[in-house]
Amino acid sequence: MNYKLSSGEVRALITAKLSHNFGVTPAEASDEHYYKAVALIARDLLSQGRKEFLDQAEKQHKKQVYYLCMEFLMGRSLKNTLYNLGLEESVASALSDMGIKLESVYEQEPDAGLGNGGLGRLAACFLDGLATQGYLAMGYSLRYE
């Protein structure tokens, strides 16, 4: 999956998401609107990439790893996602052209706050490692109080 988008392509996608999903123009949009628009774009790209990955894995008859952990300390994901997709610079440039700072958009994301420390971070790193190495894997957790 090629995730490379130019600043102009990103700007057009953001404008379309703002209009279609939130009914606002770029001038009317808040930082939260911009955050949600960028997150929707990232989600769409990841969904398309996952479909391509699963199709390829099915053709190769790969086995899948299922990882069960009581806690995950994932943190905020938009910044990590844009960086991993190689889109951070294009998104920053597109937002800058629209008068918005990328850091302001990042600040809109709530921290999931799952888990409480070492094991949660270890689980998150393990899942990141599986994804980075191209393993077909799914993480599961139990909700508890």
N, C-alpha and C. Protein backbone atom coordinates (compact mmCIF):
# COMPACT_ATOMS: atom_id res chain seq x y z
N MET A 1 0.84 -1.18 0.00
CA MET A 1 0.00 0.00 0.00
C MET A 1 0.88 1.23 0.00
N ASN A 2 0.62 2.10 -0.92
CA ASN A 2 1.35 3.35 -0.99
C ASN A 2 0.55 4.42 -0.26
N TYR A 3 1.09 4.89 0.85
CA TYR A 3 0.40 5.88 1.66
C TYR A 3 0.84 7.31 1.34
N LYS A 4 1.72 7.48 0.38
CA LYS A 4 2.25 8.80 0.08
C LYS A 4 1.17 9.68 -0.55
N LEU A 5 0.96 10.82 0.07
CA LEU A 5 0.03 11.82 -0.44
C LEU A 5 0.73 13.17 -0.42
N SER A 6 0.46 13.98 -1.42
CA SER A 6 1.03 15.32 -1.44
C SER A 6 0.25 16.21 -0.47
N SER A 7 0.81 17.35 -0.16
CA SER A 7 0.15 18.31 0.70
C SER A 7 -1.20 18.73 0.11
N GLY A 8 -1.23 18.92 -1.20
CA GLY A 8 -2.47 19.32 -1.86
C GLY A 8 -3.53 18.22 -1.79
N GLU A 9 -3.11 16.97 -1.94
CA GLU A 9 -4.06 15.85 -1.83
C GLU A 9 -4.62 15.76 -0.41
N VAL A 10 -3.75 15.95 0.58
CA VAL A 10 -4.19 15.91 1.97
C VAL A 10 -5.16 17.05 2.24
N ARG A 11 -4.84 18.23 1.76
CA ARG A 11 -5.72 19.41 1.95
C ARG A 11 -7.10 19.14 1.34
N ALA A 12 -7.15 18.55 0.15
CA ALA A 12 -8.42 18.23 -0.49
C ALA A 12 -9.20 17.19 0.32
N LEU A 13 -8.50 16.18 0.84
CA LEU A 13 -9.16 15.16 1.66
C LEU A 13 -9.71 15.76 2.96
N ILE A 14 -8.93 16.63 3.59
CA ILE A 14 -9.39 17.27 4.83
C ILE A 14 -10.62 18.12 4.55
N THR A 15 -10.58 18.91 3.50
CA THR A 15 -11.72 19.76 3.14
C THR A 15 -12.96 18.90 2.88
N ALA A 16 -12.78 17.80 2.18
CA ALA A 16 -13.91 16.91 1.89
C ALA A 16 -14.47 16.30 3.17
N LYS A 17 -13.60 15.84 4.07
CA LYS A 17 -14.07 15.26 5.33
C LYS A 17 -14.79 16.30 6.18
N LEU A 18 -14.26 17.51 6.24
CA LEU A 18 -14.91 18.57 7.01
C LEU A 18 -16.32 18.85 6.49
N SER A 19 -16.44 18.91 5.18
CA SER A 19 -17.73 19.19 4.56
C SER A 19 -18.70 18.01 4.71
N HIS A 20 -18.25 16.83 4.32
CA HIS A 20 -19.13 15.67 4.28
C HIS A 20 -19.51 15.17 5.67
N ASN A 21 -18.52 15.07 6.57
CA ASN A 21 -18.77 14.47 7.88
C ASN A 21 -19.26 15.46 8.94
N PHE A 22 -18.88 16.73 8.79
CA PHE A 22 -19.20 17.69 9.85
C PHE A 22 -19.98 18.91 9.37
N GLY A 23 -20.14 19.04 8.06
CA GLY A 23 -20.92 20.15 7.52
C GLY A 23 -20.32 21.51 7.77
N VAL A 24 -18.99 21.59 7.80
CA VAL A 24 -18.33 22.87 8.02
C VAL A 24 -17.28 23.12 6.94
N THR A 25 -16.99 24.37 6.72
CA THR A 25 -15.91 24.75 5.81
C THR A 25 -14.61 24.81 6.62
N PRO A 26 -13.48 24.82 5.96
CA PRO A 26 -12.22 24.95 6.70
C PRO A 26 -12.18 26.20 7.59
N ALA A 27 -12.79 27.29 7.14
CA ALA A 27 -12.79 28.52 7.94
C ALA A 27 -13.64 28.38 9.20
N GLU A 28 -14.69 27.56 9.13
CA GLU A 28 -15.59 27.37 10.28
C GLU A 28 -15.13 26.28 11.23
N ALA A 29 -14.25 25.42 10.77
CA ALA A 29 -13.86 24.23 11.53
C ALA A 29 -13.02 24.57 12.76
N SER A 30 -13.25 23.83 13.83
CA SER A 30 -12.45 23.95 15.04
C SER A 30 -11.27 22.99 14.96
N ASP A 31 -10.36 23.09 15.92
CA ASP A 31 -9.25 22.14 15.98
C ASP A 31 -9.77 20.71 16.13
N GLU A 32 -10.87 20.55 16.87
CA GLU A 32 -11.45 19.22 17.04
C GLU A 32 -11.97 18.67 15.70
N HIS A 33 -12.59 19.53 14.90
CA HIS A 33 -13.03 19.11 13.57
C HIS A 33 -11.83 18.65 12.73
N TYR A 34 -10.76 19.43 12.78
CA TYR A 34 -9.56 19.07 12.01
C TYR A 34 -8.98 17.75 12.51
N TYR A 35 -8.95 17.57 13.83
CA TYR A 35 -8.46 16.31 14.39
C TYR A 35 -9.28 15.13 13.86
N LYS A 36 -10.59 15.25 13.93
CA LYS A 36 -11.45 14.16 13.50
C LYS A 36 -11.33 13.91 12.00
N ALA A 37 -11.18 14.97 11.22
CA ALA A 37 -11.03 14.81 9.77
C ALA A 37 -9.73 14.07 9.44
N VAL A 38 -8.64 14.47 10.08
CA VAL A 38 -7.35 13.81 9.84
C VAL A 38 -7.40 12.36 10.33
N ALA A 39 -8.03 12.13 11.47
CA ALA A 39 -8.16 10.76 11.99
C ALA A 39 -8.99 9.89 11.03
N LEU A 40 -10.04 10.44 10.45
CA LEU A 40 -10.84 9.68 9.48
C LEU A 40 -10.04 9.34 8.23
N ILE A 41 -9.22 10.28 7.79
CA ILE A 41 -8.36 10.02 6.62
C ILE A 41 -7.37 8.90 6.94
N ALA A 42 -6.74 8.98 8.11
CA ALA A 42 -5.80 7.94 8.52
C ALA A 42 -6.50 6.59 8.63
N ARG A 43 -7.70 6.58 9.22
CA ARG A 43 -8.46 5.34 9.35
C ARG A 43 -8.77 4.73 7.98
N ASP A 44 -9.18 5.58 7.04
CA ASP A 44 -9.49 5.09 5.69
C ASP A 44 -8.26 4.46 5.03
N LEU A 45 -7.12 5.12 5.18
CA LEU A 45 -5.88 4.59 4.59
C LEU A 45 -5.48 3.28 5.27
N LEU A 46 -5.59 3.23 6.60
CA LEU A 46 -5.24 2.01 7.32
C LEU A 46 -6.18 0.87 6.95
N SER A 47 -7.46 1.16 6.79
CA SER A 47 -8.43 0.13 6.41
C SER A 47 -8.10 -0.45 5.04
N GLN A 48 -7.77 0.43 4.12
CA GLN A 48 -7.41 -0.03 2.78
C GLN A 48 -6.13 -0.86 2.83
N GLY A 49 -5.14 -0.40 3.59
CA GLY A 49 -3.89 -1.14 3.72
C GLY A 49 -4.09 -2.48 4.40
N ARG A 50 -4.96 -2.53 5.40
CA ARG A 50 -5.24 -3.80 6.09
C ARG A 50 -5.90 -4.79 5.14
N LYS A 51 -6.82 -4.31 4.32
CA LYS A 51 -7.48 -5.20 3.36
C LYS A 51 -6.45 -5.80 2.40
N GLU A 52 -5.57 -4.97 1.88
CA GLU A 52 -4.53 -5.46 0.98
C GLU A 52 -3.62 -6.46 1.69
N PHE A 53 -3.27 -6.16 2.95
CA PHE A 53 -2.41 -7.06 3.73
C PHE A 53 -3.10 -8.40 3.96
N LEU A 54 -4.38 -8.37 4.34
CA LEU A 54 -5.12 -9.62 4.59
C LEU A 54 -5.28 -10.44 3.31
N ASP A 55 -5.53 -9.77 2.20
CA ASP A 55 -5.63 -10.48 0.92
C ASP A 55 -4.33 -11.19 0.59
N GLN A 56 -3.21 -10.49 0.81
CA GLN A 56 -1.90 -11.07 0.55
C GLN A 56 -1.61 -12.23 1.50
N ALA A 57 -1.96 -12.07 2.78
CA ALA A 57 -1.73 -13.13 3.77
C ALA A 57 -2.56 -14.36 3.44
N GLU A 58 -3.79 -14.15 2.97
CA GLU A 58 -4.65 -15.27 2.61
C GLU A 58 -4.07 -16.04 1.43
N LYS A 59 -3.54 -15.32 0.45
CA LYS A 59 -2.94 -15.98 -0.70
C LYS A 59 -1.75 -16.84 -0.29
N GLN A 60 -1.02 -16.39 0.73
CA GLN A 60 0.17 -17.11 1.20
C GLN A 60 -0.15 -18.12 2.30
N HIS A 61 -1.42 -18.23 2.67
CA HIS A 61 -1.87 -19.17 3.70
C HIS A 61 -1.13 -18.96 5.02
N LYS A 62 -0.97 -17.71 5.42
CA LYS A 62 -0.28 -17.41 6.67
C LYS A 62 -1.18 -17.69 7.87
N LYS A 63 -0.56 -18.10 8.96
CA LYS A 63 -1.26 -18.28 10.21
C LYS A 63 -1.38 -16.93 10.91
N GLN A 64 -2.33 -16.84 11.84
CA GLN A 64 -2.53 -15.58 12.56
C GLN A 64 -2.19 -15.76 14.03
N VAL A 65 -1.58 -14.72 14.61
CA VAL A 65 -1.25 -14.69 16.03
C VAL A 65 -2.39 -13.96 16.75
N TYR A 66 -2.86 -14.52 17.85
CA TYR A 66 -3.85 -13.86 18.70
C TYR A 66 -3.18 -13.61 20.04
N TYR A 67 -3.15 -12.34 20.44
CA TYR A 67 -2.44 -11.96 21.66
C TYR A 67 -3.46 -11.44 22.68
N LEU A 68 -3.52 -12.09 23.83
CA LEU A 68 -4.44 -11.70 24.90
C LEU A 68 -3.63 -11.10 26.04
N CYS A 69 -4.01 -9.90 26.44
CA CYS A 69 -3.32 -9.23 27.54
C CYS A 69 -4.36 -8.50 28.38
N MET A 70 -4.13 -8.37 29.65
CA MET A 70 -5.08 -7.69 30.53
C MET A 70 -5.05 -6.17 30.34
N GLU A 71 -3.96 -5.64 29.83
CA GLU A 71 -3.89 -4.20 29.68
C GLU A 71 -2.97 -3.80 28.53
N PHE A 72 -3.33 -2.72 27.89
CA PHE A 72 -2.50 -2.13 26.84
C PHE A 72 -2.33 -0.66 27.16
N LEU A 73 -1.14 -0.16 27.10
CA LEU A 73 -0.88 1.26 27.31
C LEU A 73 -0.44 1.83 25.96
N MET A 74 -1.42 2.10 25.11
CA MET A 74 -1.15 2.51 23.74
C MET A 74 -0.83 3.99 23.62
N GLY A 75 -1.40 4.81 24.48
CA GLY A 75 -1.20 6.25 24.36
C GLY A 75 -2.00 6.82 23.20
N ARG A 76 -1.69 8.03 22.83
CA ARG A 76 -2.37 8.67 21.71
C ARG A 76 -1.87 8.07 20.41
N SER A 77 -2.76 7.89 19.45
CA SER A 77 -2.35 7.14 18.26
C SER A 77 -2.21 7.95 16.98
N LEU A 78 -2.83 9.13 16.88
CA LEU A 78 -2.78 9.85 15.61
C LEU A 78 -1.35 10.20 15.20
N LYS A 79 -0.59 10.74 16.13
CA LYS A 79 0.79 11.14 15.81
C LYS A 79 1.61 9.92 15.38
N ASN A 80 1.48 8.84 16.11
CA ASN A 80 2.20 7.60 15.79
C ASN A 80 1.78 7.08 14.42
N THR A 81 0.49 7.13 14.13
CA THR A 81 -0.03 6.63 12.87
C THR A 81 0.47 7.46 11.69
N LEU A 82 0.38 8.79 11.80
CA LEU A 82 0.84 9.64 10.70
C LEU A 82 2.33 9.45 10.45
N TYR A 83 3.09 9.32 11.52
CA TYR A 83 4.53 9.11 11.37
C TYR A 83 4.81 7.78 10.67
N ASN A 84 4.15 6.72 11.13
CA ASN A 84 4.38 5.39 10.56
C ASN A 84 3.92 5.29 9.11
N LEU A 85 2.92 6.05 8.73
CA LEU A 85 2.45 6.05 7.34
C LEU A 85 3.28 6.98 6.45
N GLY A 86 4.19 7.74 7.06
CA GLY A 86 5.00 8.69 6.30
C GLY A 86 4.22 9.90 5.85
N LEU A 87 3.18 10.25 6.59
CA LEU A 87 2.30 11.35 6.20
C LEU A 87 2.41 12.59 7.07
N GLU A 88 3.21 12.54 8.11
CA GLU A 88 3.26 13.65 9.06
C GLU A 88 3.63 14.97 8.38
N GLU A 89 4.60 14.93 7.51
CA GLU A 89 5.05 16.16 6.84
C GLU A 89 3.97 16.71 5.90
N SER A 90 3.34 15.84 5.12
CA SER A 90 2.28 16.28 4.20
C SER A 90 1.09 16.84 4.95
N VAL A 91 0.71 16.18 6.04
CA VAL A 91 -0.43 16.66 6.84
C VAL A 91 -0.08 17.99 7.49
N ALA A 92 1.12 18.10 8.04
CA ALA A 92 1.53 19.36 8.67
C ALA A 92 1.52 20.50 7.67
N SER A 93 2.01 20.24 6.47
CA SER A 93 2.04 21.26 5.42
C SER A 93 0.63 21.65 4.99
N ALA A 94 -0.24 20.65 4.81
CA ALA A 94 -1.63 20.92 4.40
C ALA A 94 -2.35 21.74 5.47
N LEU A 95 -2.18 21.35 6.72
CA LEU A 95 -2.83 22.09 7.81
C LEU A 95 -2.27 23.50 7.93
N SER A 96 -0.97 23.62 7.76
CA SER A 96 -0.34 24.95 7.82
C SER A 96 -0.91 25.87 6.75
N ASP A 97 -1.11 25.32 5.55
CA ASP A 97 -1.73 26.10 4.47
C ASP A 97 -3.14 26.54 4.83
N MET A 98 -3.78 25.78 5.73
CA MET A 98 -5.15 26.09 6.16
C MET A 98 -5.17 26.92 7.44
N GLY A 99 -3.97 27.30 7.92
CA GLY A 99 -3.87 28.13 9.12
C GLY A 99 -3.98 27.36 10.43
N ILE A 100 -3.69 26.07 10.39
CA ILE A 100 -3.82 25.21 11.58
C ILE A 100 -2.46 24.56 11.87
N LYS A 101 -2.12 24.47 13.14
CA LYS A 101 -0.88 23.79 13.54
C LYS A 101 -1.17 22.33 13.85
N LEU A 102 -0.32 21.45 13.35
CA LEU A 102 -0.49 20.03 13.58
C LEU A 102 -0.47 19.70 15.07
N GLU A 103 0.37 20.37 15.84
CA GLU A 103 0.44 20.11 17.29
C GLU A 103 -0.90 20.41 17.97
N SER A 104 -1.61 21.43 17.49
CA SER A 104 -2.93 21.75 18.04
C SER A 104 -3.92 20.63 17.74
N VAL A 105 -3.78 20.02 16.59
CA VAL A 105 -4.64 18.90 16.21
C VAL A 105 -4.32 17.70 17.09
N TYR A 106 -3.03 17.41 17.30
CA TYR A 106 -2.62 16.29 18.14
C TYR A 106 -3.20 16.43 19.56
N GLU A 107 -3.25 17.65 20.06
CA GLU A 107 -3.72 17.88 21.43
C GLU A 107 -5.21 17.58 21.61
N GLN A 108 -5.94 17.44 20.53
CA GLN A 108 -7.38 17.15 20.61
C GLN A 108 -7.66 15.69 20.95
N GLU A 109 -6.68 14.82 20.73
CA GLU A 109 -6.90 13.39 20.96
C GLU A 109 -6.83 13.06 22.44
N PRO A 110 -7.89 12.44 22.95
CA PRO A 110 -7.82 12.01 24.36
C PRO A 110 -6.88 10.82 24.49
N ASP A 111 -6.22 10.72 25.62
CA ASP A 111 -5.35 9.58 25.88
C ASP A 111 -6.22 8.45 26.40
N ALA A 112 -6.15 7.30 25.74
CA ALA A 112 -6.98 6.17 26.13
C ALA A 112 -6.70 5.74 27.56
N GLY A 113 -5.47 5.90 28.02
CA GLY A 113 -5.12 5.59 29.40
C GLY A 113 -5.40 4.15 29.79
N LEU A 114 -5.23 3.23 28.86
CA LEU A 114 -5.48 1.82 29.16
C LEU A 114 -4.27 1.24 29.87
N GLY A 115 -4.51 0.45 30.88
CA GLY A 115 -3.41 -0.13 31.62
C GLY A 115 -2.84 0.88 32.59
N ASN A 116 -1.85 0.47 33.32
CA ASN A 116 -1.30 1.39 34.31
C ASN A 116 0.21 1.34 34.39
N GLY A 117 0.87 0.83 33.39
CA GLY A 117 2.31 0.88 33.50
C GLY A 117 3.06 -0.12 32.65
N GLY A 118 4.05 -0.74 33.28
CA GLY A 118 5.02 -1.56 32.58
C GLY A 118 4.46 -2.65 31.69
N LEU A 119 3.54 -3.44 32.20
CA LEU A 119 3.01 -4.52 31.37
C LEU A 119 2.17 -3.99 30.22
N GLY A 120 1.45 -2.93 30.46
CA GLY A 120 0.64 -2.33 29.40
C GLY A 120 1.51 -1.78 28.28
N ARG A 121 2.62 -1.16 28.64
CA ARG A 121 3.54 -0.64 27.63
C ARG A 121 4.23 -1.78 26.89
N LEU A 122 4.59 -2.83 27.61
CA LEU A 122 5.22 -4.00 26.99
C LEU A 122 4.27 -4.63 25.96
N ALA A 123 3.00 -4.75 26.31
CA ALA A 123 2.01 -5.32 25.39
C ALA A 123 1.89 -4.46 24.14
N ALA A 124 1.86 -3.15 24.32
CA ALA A 124 1.76 -2.24 23.18
C ALA A 124 2.99 -2.37 22.28
N CYS A 125 4.17 -2.45 22.88
CA CYS A 125 5.41 -2.62 22.10
C CYS A 125 5.41 -3.95 21.36
N PHE A 126 4.92 -4.98 22.00
CA PHE A 126 4.85 -6.30 21.38
C PHE A 126 3.96 -6.24 20.14
N LEU A 127 2.78 -5.61 20.26
CA LEU A 127 1.88 -5.49 19.11
C LEU A 127 2.49 -4.63 18.01
N ASP A 128 3.15 -3.53 18.39
CA ASP A 128 3.83 -2.70 17.39
C ASP A 128 4.90 -3.50 16.66
N GLY A 129 5.64 -4.33 17.40
CA GLY A 129 6.68 -5.15 16.80
C GLY A 129 6.10 -6.17 15.82
N LEU A 130 4.99 -6.78 16.19
CA LEU A 130 4.34 -7.73 15.29
C LEU A 130 3.91 -7.04 13.99
N ALA A 131 3.34 -5.86 14.13
CA ALA A 131 2.89 -5.11 12.95
C ALA A 131 4.07 -4.71 12.08
N THR A 132 5.13 -4.23 12.72
CA THR A 132 6.31 -3.77 11.99
C THR A 132 6.95 -4.91 11.19
N GLN A 133 6.94 -6.10 11.77
CA GLN A 133 7.55 -7.25 11.10
C GLN A 133 6.61 -7.93 10.11
N GLY A 134 5.39 -7.41 9.99
CA GLY A 134 4.46 -7.94 8.99
C GLY A 134 3.74 -9.21 9.39
N TYR A 135 3.64 -9.46 10.70
CA TYR A 135 2.91 -10.64 11.15
C TYR A 135 1.41 -10.36 11.13
N LEU A 136 0.65 -11.36 10.79
CA LEU A 136 -0.80 -11.30 10.85
C LEU A 136 -1.17 -11.52 12.31
N ALA A 137 -1.56 -10.45 13.03
CA ALA A 137 -1.78 -10.55 14.47
C ALA A 137 -2.96 -9.69 14.90
N MET A 138 -3.58 -10.10 16.00
CA MET A 138 -4.70 -9.37 16.58
C MET A 138 -4.52 -9.37 18.09
N GLY A 139 -4.65 -8.20 18.71
CA GLY A 139 -4.55 -8.07 20.15
C GLY A 139 -5.93 -8.03 20.79
N TYR A 140 -6.09 -8.75 21.88
CA TYR A 140 -7.36 -8.78 22.61
C TYR A 140 -7.08 -8.43 24.07
N SER A 141 -8.09 -7.90 24.71
CA SER A 141 -7.97 -7.55 26.11
C SER A 141 -9.26 -7.86 26.82
N LEU A 142 -9.22 -7.87 28.14
CA LEU A 142 -10.41 -8.03 28.95
C LEU A 142 -10.66 -6.72 29.69
N ARG A 143 -11.90 -6.35 29.78
CA ARG A 143 -12.20 -5.14 30.54
C ARG A 143 -12.44 -5.56 31.99
N TYR A 144 -11.76 -4.88 32.89
CA TYR A 144 -11.89 -5.20 34.30
C TYR A 144 -11.78 -3.94 35.12
N GLU A 145 -12.25 -4.01 36.33
CA GLU A 145 -12.14 -2.88 37.27
C GLU A 145 -11.46 -3.36 38.53
